Amino acid sequence: MPVKRNKRLKAVSSETERITRSIRKKRGLSEAALISDWIHIVGPILSAECFPTRLTRNKDAVGGILHIRVSGALALELQHMQPQVIERVNQYFGYEALSALSLHQGPIADQVVEEAPSNSRQMTKEKRTLLDKQLMEVIDDELRLALNKLGEGILSKKVRSE
């Protein structure tokens, strides 16, 4: 019997949970929402200095141990805040998901993507004049501004030397 397939497009995010489930279980973090919603669970200040790495389950299935990588500056404070963090995580999941935290000091990669400093060269006067001339006929101000930024990015881009 032929397999009937749905030919509709699907969002990639709808399949990531199913695809990454086995990988996350191997690493000990079965709840992907814990990572993706970490900033909402503990707040922006704590999430900037700590990050969950894995969740180990107890054999008696009452809660688990959440292993958290924490920067040195916040480690002592987070140790004193353990009951509040455990309570927040348990409230988020709606059941006793955690019974303890295990803190591991180490560097934390920045969660916020910052703009990298631009290494591109400046636009020449000729390129600026050409871009302004091409955008002169655009009536919509927002569109003209967006196209101007795009044009600046393209025209001022460094050429790779191979």
N, C-alpha and C. Protein backbone atom coordinates (compact mmCIF):
# COMPACT_ATOMS: atom_id res chain seq x y z
N MET A 1 0.84 -1.16 0.00
CA MET A 1 0.00 0.00 0.00
C MET A 1 0.90 1.24 0.00
N PRO A 2 0.67 2.19 -0.89
CA PRO A 2 1.53 3.37 -0.96
C PRO A 2 1.34 4.28 0.26
N VAL A 3 2.44 4.93 0.64
CA VAL A 3 2.41 5.83 1.79
C VAL A 3 1.84 7.17 1.34
N LYS A 4 0.86 7.64 2.06
CA LYS A 4 0.25 8.92 1.72
C LYS A 4 1.01 10.02 2.45
N ARG A 5 1.51 11.00 1.70
CA ARG A 5 2.30 12.08 2.28
C ARG A 5 1.55 13.41 2.18
N ASN A 6 1.78 14.19 3.17
CA ASN A 6 1.22 15.53 3.18
C ASN A 6 2.20 16.45 2.45
N LYS A 7 1.75 17.11 1.41
CA LYS A 7 2.64 17.93 0.61
C LYS A 7 2.63 19.40 1.04
N ARG A 8 2.06 19.67 2.18
CA ARG A 8 2.04 21.05 2.67
C ARG A 8 3.38 21.40 3.30
N LEU A 9 3.69 22.67 3.26
CA LEU A 9 4.92 23.14 3.90
C LEU A 9 4.72 23.17 5.40
N LYS A 10 5.79 22.84 6.12
CA LYS A 10 5.76 22.88 7.58
C LYS A 10 6.86 23.80 8.06
N ALA A 11 6.60 24.46 9.16
CA ALA A 11 7.63 25.30 9.77
C ALA A 11 8.70 24.39 10.35
N VAL A 12 9.94 24.79 10.21
CA VAL A 12 11.04 23.99 10.73
C VAL A 12 10.91 23.82 12.24
N SER A 13 10.46 24.86 12.92
CA SER A 13 10.33 24.80 14.38
C SER A 13 9.34 23.74 14.84
N SER A 14 8.38 23.38 13.99
CA SER A 14 7.41 22.36 14.40
C SER A 14 8.03 20.97 14.44
N GLU A 15 9.13 20.77 13.76
CA GLU A 15 9.79 19.47 13.73
C GLU A 15 11.01 19.37 14.63
N THR A 16 11.51 20.51 15.14
CA THR A 16 12.75 20.46 15.92
C THR A 16 12.60 19.67 17.21
N GLU A 17 11.46 19.74 17.85
CA GLU A 17 11.25 18.98 19.09
C GLU A 17 11.42 17.49 18.83
N ARG A 18 10.79 16.99 17.78
CA ARG A 18 10.85 15.56 17.46
C ARG A 18 12.27 15.16 17.04
N ILE A 19 12.91 15.99 16.23
CA ILE A 19 14.23 15.66 15.69
C ILE A 19 15.30 15.67 16.77
N THR A 20 15.24 16.64 17.68
CA THR A 20 16.30 16.79 18.68
C THR A 20 16.04 16.01 19.98
N ARG A 21 14.92 15.35 20.08
CA ARG A 21 14.57 14.65 21.32
C ARG A 21 15.65 13.64 21.74
N SER A 22 16.11 12.80 20.83
CA SER A 22 17.10 11.78 21.20
C SER A 22 18.43 12.40 21.58
N ILE A 23 18.82 13.47 20.92
CA ILE A 23 20.08 14.14 21.24
C ILE A 23 20.01 14.75 22.63
N ARG A 24 18.89 15.42 22.91
CA ARG A 24 18.74 16.05 24.22
C ARG A 24 18.69 15.02 25.33
N LYS A 25 18.07 13.87 25.09
CA LYS A 25 18.02 12.83 26.11
C LYS A 25 19.41 12.28 26.40
N LYS A 26 20.22 12.13 25.36
CA LYS A 26 21.60 11.67 25.57
C LYS A 26 22.37 12.64 26.44
N ARG A 27 22.13 13.92 26.24
CA ARG A 27 22.83 14.95 27.00
C ARG A 27 22.17 15.20 28.35
N GLY A 28 21.03 14.58 28.60
CA GLY A 28 20.39 14.69 29.90
C GLY A 28 19.44 15.86 30.04
N LEU A 29 19.07 16.49 28.98
CA LEU A 29 18.15 17.62 29.07
C LEU A 29 16.97 17.36 28.15
N SER A 30 15.97 16.67 28.69
CA SER A 30 14.86 16.25 27.85
C SER A 30 13.85 17.36 27.59
N GLU A 31 13.79 18.35 28.45
CA GLU A 31 12.85 19.43 28.25
C GLU A 31 13.51 20.58 27.50
N ALA A 32 13.25 20.70 26.22
CA ALA A 32 13.84 21.77 25.41
C ALA A 32 13.33 23.13 25.86
N ALA A 33 12.13 23.16 26.39
CA ALA A 33 11.55 24.42 26.83
C ALA A 33 12.36 25.05 27.96
N LEU A 34 13.04 24.22 28.73
CA LEU A 34 13.85 24.74 29.82
C LEU A 34 14.96 25.63 29.28
N ILE A 35 15.55 25.24 28.16
CA ILE A 35 16.60 26.05 27.56
C ILE A 35 16.01 27.25 26.83
N SER A 36 15.02 27.00 26.01
CA SER A 36 14.47 28.08 25.20
C SER A 36 13.76 29.15 26.03
N ASP A 37 13.19 28.78 27.16
CA ASP A 37 12.46 29.73 27.99
C ASP A 37 13.21 30.09 29.28
N TRP A 38 14.49 29.80 29.33
CA TRP A 38 15.28 30.04 30.54
C TRP A 38 15.20 31.51 30.98
N ILE A 39 15.27 32.42 30.05
CA ILE A 39 15.21 33.85 30.39
C ILE A 39 13.87 34.21 31.02
N HIS A 40 12.79 33.55 30.60
CA HIS A 40 11.47 33.82 31.17
C HIS A 40 11.29 33.14 32.53
N ILE A 41 11.99 32.06 32.74
CA ILE A 41 11.86 31.32 33.99
C ILE A 41 12.59 32.04 35.12
N VAL A 42 13.86 32.40 34.90
CA VAL A 42 14.66 32.98 35.98
C VAL A 42 14.85 34.49 35.85
N GLY A 43 14.46 35.07 34.74
CA GLY A 43 14.60 36.50 34.57
C GLY A 43 15.86 36.87 33.80
N PRO A 44 15.90 38.09 33.27
CA PRO A 44 17.02 38.48 32.42
C PRO A 44 18.35 38.62 33.17
N ILE A 45 18.31 39.02 34.43
CA ILE A 45 19.55 39.22 35.18
C ILE A 45 20.23 37.89 35.46
N LEU A 46 19.48 36.92 35.97
CA LEU A 46 20.07 35.60 36.25
C LEU A 46 20.44 34.87 34.97
N SER A 47 19.60 34.97 33.95
CA SER A 47 19.87 34.22 32.72
C SER A 47 21.11 34.72 32.00
N ALA A 48 21.51 35.96 32.26
CA ALA A 48 22.72 36.48 31.64
C ALA A 48 23.98 35.88 32.26
N GLU A 49 23.85 35.35 33.47
CA GLU A 49 25.02 34.84 34.20
C GLU A 49 24.99 33.33 34.46
N CYS A 50 23.90 32.65 34.07
CA CYS A 50 23.83 31.21 34.28
C CYS A 50 23.01 30.57 33.17
N PHE A 51 23.26 29.26 32.96
CA PHE A 51 22.59 28.57 31.87
C PHE A 51 22.45 27.09 32.22
N PRO A 52 21.27 26.46 32.01
CA PRO A 52 21.11 25.05 32.31
C PRO A 52 21.87 24.18 31.30
N THR A 53 22.58 23.18 31.80
CA THR A 53 23.33 22.30 30.90
C THR A 53 22.69 20.92 30.78
N ARG A 54 22.18 20.38 31.88
CA ARG A 54 21.50 19.08 31.78
C ARG A 54 20.61 18.87 32.99
N LEU A 55 19.70 17.95 32.85
CA LEU A 55 18.76 17.61 33.90
C LEU A 55 18.84 16.11 34.13
N THR A 56 19.24 15.72 35.33
CA THR A 56 19.31 14.29 35.65
C THR A 56 18.11 13.93 36.52
N ARG A 57 17.51 12.80 36.23
CA ARG A 57 16.34 12.33 36.97
C ARG A 57 16.77 11.42 38.11
N ASN A 58 16.07 11.55 39.21
CA ASN A 58 16.30 10.64 40.33
C ASN A 58 15.63 9.31 40.03
N LYS A 59 16.15 8.25 40.59
CA LYS A 59 15.57 6.92 40.33
C LYS A 59 14.18 6.78 40.91
N ASP A 60 13.89 7.50 41.99
CA ASP A 60 12.55 7.41 42.57
C ASP A 60 11.55 8.33 41.86
N ALA A 61 12.01 9.01 40.81
CA ALA A 61 11.17 9.85 39.93
C ALA A 61 10.53 11.03 40.63
N VAL A 62 11.07 11.44 41.79
CA VAL A 62 10.57 12.63 42.46
C VAL A 62 11.57 13.75 42.20
N GLY A 63 11.24 14.58 41.25
CA GLY A 63 12.13 15.69 40.91
C GLY A 63 13.40 15.21 40.25
N GLY A 64 14.28 16.13 40.01
CA GLY A 64 15.55 15.82 39.40
C GLY A 64 16.57 16.85 39.82
N ILE A 65 17.76 16.74 39.27
CA ILE A 65 18.83 17.68 39.57
C ILE A 65 19.15 18.45 38.30
N LEU A 66 19.02 19.75 38.38
CA LEU A 66 19.34 20.60 37.24
C LEU A 66 20.77 21.09 37.40
N HIS A 67 21.60 20.75 36.41
CA HIS A 67 22.99 21.20 36.41
C HIS A 67 23.04 22.54 35.68
N ILE A 68 23.60 23.53 36.35
CA ILE A 68 23.63 24.88 35.81
C ILE A 68 25.07 25.36 35.75
N ARG A 69 25.45 25.88 34.58
CA ARG A 69 26.75 26.53 34.45
C ARG A 69 26.55 27.97 34.86
N VAL A 70 27.38 28.44 35.77
CA VAL A 70 27.21 29.78 36.31
C VAL A 70 28.55 30.50 36.31
N SER A 71 28.50 31.80 36.01
CA SER A 71 29.73 32.58 36.02
C SER A 71 30.16 32.77 37.48
N GLY A 72 31.45 32.96 37.68
CA GLY A 72 31.99 33.08 39.03
C GLY A 72 31.37 34.18 39.84
N ALA A 73 30.98 35.26 39.19
CA ALA A 73 30.44 36.41 39.90
C ALA A 73 29.09 36.11 40.55
N LEU A 74 28.34 35.22 40.00
CA LEU A 74 26.99 34.95 40.48
C LEU A 74 26.87 33.64 41.26
N ALA A 75 27.91 32.86 41.29
CA ALA A 75 27.82 31.51 41.87
C ALA A 75 27.35 31.52 43.32
N LEU A 76 27.94 32.36 44.14
CA LEU A 76 27.56 32.39 45.56
C LEU A 76 26.13 32.87 45.74
N GLU A 77 25.75 33.89 44.98
CA GLU A 77 24.39 34.42 45.09
C GLU A 77 23.37 33.37 44.63
N LEU A 78 23.68 32.67 43.54
CA LEU A 78 22.75 31.65 43.04
C LEU A 78 22.64 30.48 44.02
N GLN A 79 23.72 30.20 44.72
CA GLN A 79 23.67 29.13 45.73
C GLN A 79 22.66 29.48 46.82
N HIS A 80 22.61 30.75 47.19
CA HIS A 80 21.64 31.18 48.21
C HIS A 80 20.23 31.29 47.64
N MET A 81 20.12 31.43 46.32
CA MET A 81 18.81 31.57 45.68
C MET A 81 18.26 30.25 45.17
N GLN A 82 18.90 29.14 45.48
CA GLN A 82 18.47 27.84 44.97
C GLN A 82 16.99 27.54 45.21
N PRO A 83 16.47 27.76 46.41
CA PRO A 83 15.04 27.45 46.61
C PRO A 83 14.12 28.24 45.68
N GLN A 84 14.46 29.52 45.43
CA GLN A 84 13.63 30.34 44.55
C GLN A 84 13.72 29.85 43.10
N VAL A 85 14.92 29.48 42.65
CA VAL A 85 15.09 29.00 41.27
C VAL A 85 14.35 27.68 41.09
N ILE A 86 14.48 26.77 42.05
CA ILE A 86 13.76 25.49 41.98
C ILE A 86 12.26 25.72 41.93
N GLU A 87 11.78 26.64 42.76
CA GLU A 87 10.35 26.94 42.78
C GLU A 87 9.89 27.52 41.44
N ARG A 88 10.67 28.41 40.85
CA ARG A 88 10.31 29.01 39.56
C ARG A 88 10.24 27.95 38.46
N VAL A 89 11.22 27.05 38.43
CA VAL A 89 11.23 26.01 37.40
C VAL A 89 10.05 25.07 37.60
N ASN A 90 9.79 24.68 38.84
CA ASN A 90 8.66 23.79 39.12
C ASN A 90 7.32 24.45 38.79
N GLN A 91 7.20 25.74 39.06
CA GLN A 91 5.97 26.46 38.70
C GLN A 91 5.83 26.54 37.18
N TYR A 92 6.93 26.72 36.50
CA TYR A 92 6.88 26.82 35.04
C TYR A 92 6.36 25.53 34.42
N PHE A 93 6.86 24.38 34.92
CA PHE A 93 6.44 23.10 34.36
C PHE A 93 5.12 22.60 34.96
N GLY A 94 4.74 23.11 36.10
CA GLY A 94 3.48 22.71 36.71
C GLY A 94 3.55 21.41 37.50
N TYR A 95 4.73 20.90 37.72
CA TYR A 95 4.93 19.72 38.55
C TYR A 95 6.32 19.79 39.16
N GLU A 96 6.63 18.89 40.06
CA GLU A 96 7.93 18.92 40.73
C GLU A 96 9.00 18.34 39.79
N ALA A 97 9.47 19.18 38.90
CA ALA A 97 10.48 18.76 37.93
C ALA A 97 11.86 18.73 38.57
N LEU A 98 12.09 19.60 39.55
CA LEU A 98 13.40 19.69 40.21
C LEU A 98 13.29 19.49 41.70
N SER A 99 14.33 18.87 42.25
CA SER A 99 14.44 18.79 43.71
C SER A 99 15.73 19.46 44.18
N ALA A 100 16.69 19.65 43.26
CA ALA A 100 17.96 20.27 43.63
C ALA A 100 18.64 20.87 42.42
N LEU A 101 19.61 21.75 42.70
CA LEU A 101 20.45 22.33 41.66
C LEU A 101 21.89 21.91 41.90
N SER A 102 22.61 21.74 40.84
CA SER A 102 24.04 21.49 40.92
C SER A 102 24.73 22.59 40.12
N LEU A 103 25.52 23.41 40.80
CA LEU A 103 26.14 24.56 40.16
C LEU A 103 27.55 24.21 39.73
N HIS A 104 27.88 24.61 38.51
CA HIS A 104 29.21 24.38 37.95
C HIS A 104 29.73 25.73 37.44
N GLN A 105 30.82 26.18 38.03
CA GLN A 105 31.36 27.46 37.61
C GLN A 105 32.08 27.34 36.28
N GLY A 106 31.88 28.32 35.44
CA GLY A 106 32.53 28.33 34.14
C GLY A 106 32.08 29.53 33.34
N PRO A 107 32.71 29.75 32.21
CA PRO A 107 32.32 30.90 31.39
C PRO A 107 30.95 30.69 30.76
N ILE A 108 30.24 31.77 30.64
CA ILE A 108 28.91 31.76 30.04
C ILE A 108 28.98 32.49 28.72
N ALA A 109 28.56 31.83 27.66
CA ALA A 109 28.50 32.49 26.35
C ALA A 109 27.38 33.52 26.41
N ASP A 110 27.59 34.66 25.76
CA ASP A 110 26.58 35.71 25.76
C ASP A 110 25.31 35.21 25.11
N GLN A 111 24.18 35.40 25.80
CA GLN A 111 22.89 35.00 25.26
C GLN A 111 22.38 36.02 24.25
N VAL A 112 22.74 37.28 24.46
CA VAL A 112 22.29 38.33 23.58
C VAL A 112 23.26 38.45 22.42
N VAL A 113 22.72 38.41 21.22
CA VAL A 113 23.56 38.54 20.04
C VAL A 113 23.84 40.02 19.85
N GLU A 114 25.11 40.38 19.97
CA GLU A 114 25.49 41.76 19.80
C GLU A 114 26.00 41.96 18.39
N GLU A 115 25.86 43.18 17.92
CA GLU A 115 26.35 43.48 16.58
C GLU A 115 27.86 43.44 16.59
N ALA A 116 28.41 42.73 15.64
CA ALA A 116 29.86 42.65 15.52
C ALA A 116 30.37 43.97 14.97
N PRO A 117 31.54 44.39 15.42
CA PRO A 117 32.08 45.63 14.87
C PRO A 117 32.31 45.48 13.38
N SER A 118 31.98 46.50 12.67
CA SER A 118 32.07 46.44 11.22
C SER A 118 33.50 46.59 10.76
N ASN A 119 33.98 45.62 10.01
CA ASN A 119 35.32 45.68 9.45
C ASN A 119 35.27 46.13 7.99
N SER A 120 34.09 46.51 7.53
CA SER A 120 33.97 46.88 6.14
C SER A 120 34.51 48.29 5.92
N ARG A 121 34.95 48.54 4.73
CA ARG A 121 35.50 49.85 4.40
C ARG A 121 34.36 50.85 4.18
N GLN A 122 34.69 52.10 4.21
CA GLN A 122 33.71 53.16 4.00
C GLN A 122 33.31 53.22 2.53
N MET A 123 32.12 53.70 2.30
CA MET A 123 31.65 53.88 0.92
C MET A 123 32.37 55.08 0.30
N THR A 124 32.69 54.96 -0.95
CA THR A 124 33.30 56.07 -1.67
C THR A 124 32.22 57.09 -2.03
N LYS A 125 32.62 58.29 -2.34
CA LYS A 125 31.67 59.34 -2.71
C LYS A 125 30.91 58.96 -3.97
N GLU A 126 31.60 58.28 -4.89
CA GLU A 126 30.94 57.88 -6.14
C GLU A 126 29.82 56.87 -5.86
N LYS A 127 30.10 55.92 -4.99
CA LYS A 127 29.09 54.91 -4.66
C LYS A 127 27.93 55.55 -3.90
N ARG A 128 28.22 56.48 -3.00
CA ARG A 128 27.17 57.17 -2.24
C ARG A 128 26.27 57.95 -3.20
N THR A 129 26.88 58.66 -4.15
CA THR A 129 26.12 59.44 -5.13
C THR A 129 25.25 58.52 -5.99
N LEU A 130 25.81 57.39 -6.43
CA LEU A 130 25.07 56.44 -7.24
C LEU A 130 23.87 55.88 -6.47
N LEU A 131 24.07 55.53 -5.20
CA LEU A 131 23.00 54.99 -4.39
C LEU A 131 21.90 56.04 -4.18
N ASP A 132 22.30 57.25 -3.84
CA ASP A 132 21.30 58.32 -3.65
C ASP A 132 20.50 58.58 -4.92
N LYS A 133 21.17 58.53 -6.05
CA LYS A 133 20.51 58.77 -7.34
C LYS A 133 19.49 57.67 -7.64
N GLN A 134 19.85 56.41 -7.32
CA GLN A 134 18.94 55.29 -7.58
C GLN A 134 17.74 55.31 -6.64
N LEU A 135 17.90 55.84 -5.43
CA LEU A 135 16.82 55.84 -4.45
C LEU A 135 15.98 57.12 -4.49
N MET A 136 16.34 58.06 -5.36
CA MET A 136 15.66 59.34 -5.43
C MET A 136 14.18 59.18 -5.77
N GLU A 137 13.83 58.21 -6.60
CA GLU A 137 12.46 58.04 -7.06
C GLU A 137 11.58 57.24 -6.11
N VAL A 138 12.15 56.68 -5.04
CA VAL A 138 11.36 55.91 -4.08
C VAL A 138 10.57 56.89 -3.22
N ILE A 139 9.25 56.74 -3.21
CA ILE A 139 8.36 57.69 -2.53
C ILE A 139 8.26 57.38 -1.03
N ASP A 140 8.09 56.12 -0.68
CA ASP A 140 7.91 55.71 0.71
C ASP A 140 9.21 55.91 1.50
N ASP A 141 9.12 56.71 2.58
CA ASP A 141 10.31 57.02 3.38
C ASP A 141 10.91 55.79 4.05
N GLU A 142 10.05 54.93 4.61
CA GLU A 142 10.54 53.72 5.29
C GLU A 142 11.23 52.78 4.31
N LEU A 143 10.65 52.63 3.14
CA LEU A 143 11.24 51.77 2.11
C LEU A 143 12.57 52.34 1.65
N ARG A 144 12.62 53.66 1.46
CA ARG A 144 13.86 54.30 1.02
C ARG A 144 14.96 54.11 2.06
N LEU A 145 14.62 54.25 3.34
CA LEU A 145 15.59 54.05 4.41
C LEU A 145 16.11 52.61 4.43
N ALA A 146 15.19 51.66 4.29
CA ALA A 146 15.58 50.25 4.27
C ALA A 146 16.47 49.94 3.07
N LEU A 147 16.10 50.44 1.93
CA LEU A 147 16.90 50.22 0.73
C LEU A 147 18.26 50.91 0.83
N ASN A 148 18.29 52.05 1.48
CA ASN A 148 19.54 52.77 1.68
C ASN A 148 20.50 51.94 2.55
N LYS A 149 19.97 51.37 3.64
CA LYS A 149 20.80 50.52 4.52
C LYS A 149 21.30 49.29 3.77
N LEU A 150 20.42 48.70 2.98
CA LEU A 150 20.80 47.53 2.19
C LEU A 150 21.89 47.90 1.19
N GLY A 151 21.70 49.01 0.51
CA GLY A 151 22.68 49.46 -0.47
C GLY A 151 24.03 49.76 0.17
N GLU A 152 24.01 50.40 1.33
CA GLU A 152 25.26 50.68 2.04
C GLU A 152 25.97 49.38 2.41
N GLY A 153 25.21 48.41 2.87
CA GLY A 153 25.81 47.12 3.23
C GLY A 153 26.44 46.42 2.04
N ILE A 154 25.77 46.49 0.92
CA ILE A 154 26.29 45.82 -0.28
C ILE A 154 27.48 46.56 -0.86
N LEU A 155 27.36 47.86 -0.98
CA LEU A 155 28.40 48.64 -1.64
C LEU A 155 29.65 48.86 -0.78
N SER A 156 29.53 48.76 0.52
CA SER A 156 30.69 48.98 1.37
C SER A 156 31.33 47.66 1.82
N LYS A 157 30.80 46.55 1.34
CA LYS A 157 31.31 45.23 1.74
C LYS A 157 32.72 45.00 1.20
N LYS A 158 33.56 44.44 2.05
CA LYS A 158 34.92 44.14 1.62
C LYS A 158 34.91 42.97 0.65
N VAL A 159 35.81 43.01 -0.29
CA VAL A 159 35.95 41.92 -1.25
C VAL A 159 36.93 40.92 -0.64
N ARG A 160 36.53 39.65 -0.60
CA ARG A 160 37.40 38.60 -0.05
C ARG A 160 38.58 38.36 -0.97
N SER A 161 39.73 38.23 -0.36
CA SER A 161 40.91 37.90 -1.17
C SER A 161 41.12 36.40 -1.07
N GLU A 162 41.20 35.74 -2.18
CA GLU A 162 41.32 34.29 -2.17
C GLU A 162 42.71 33.85 -2.51
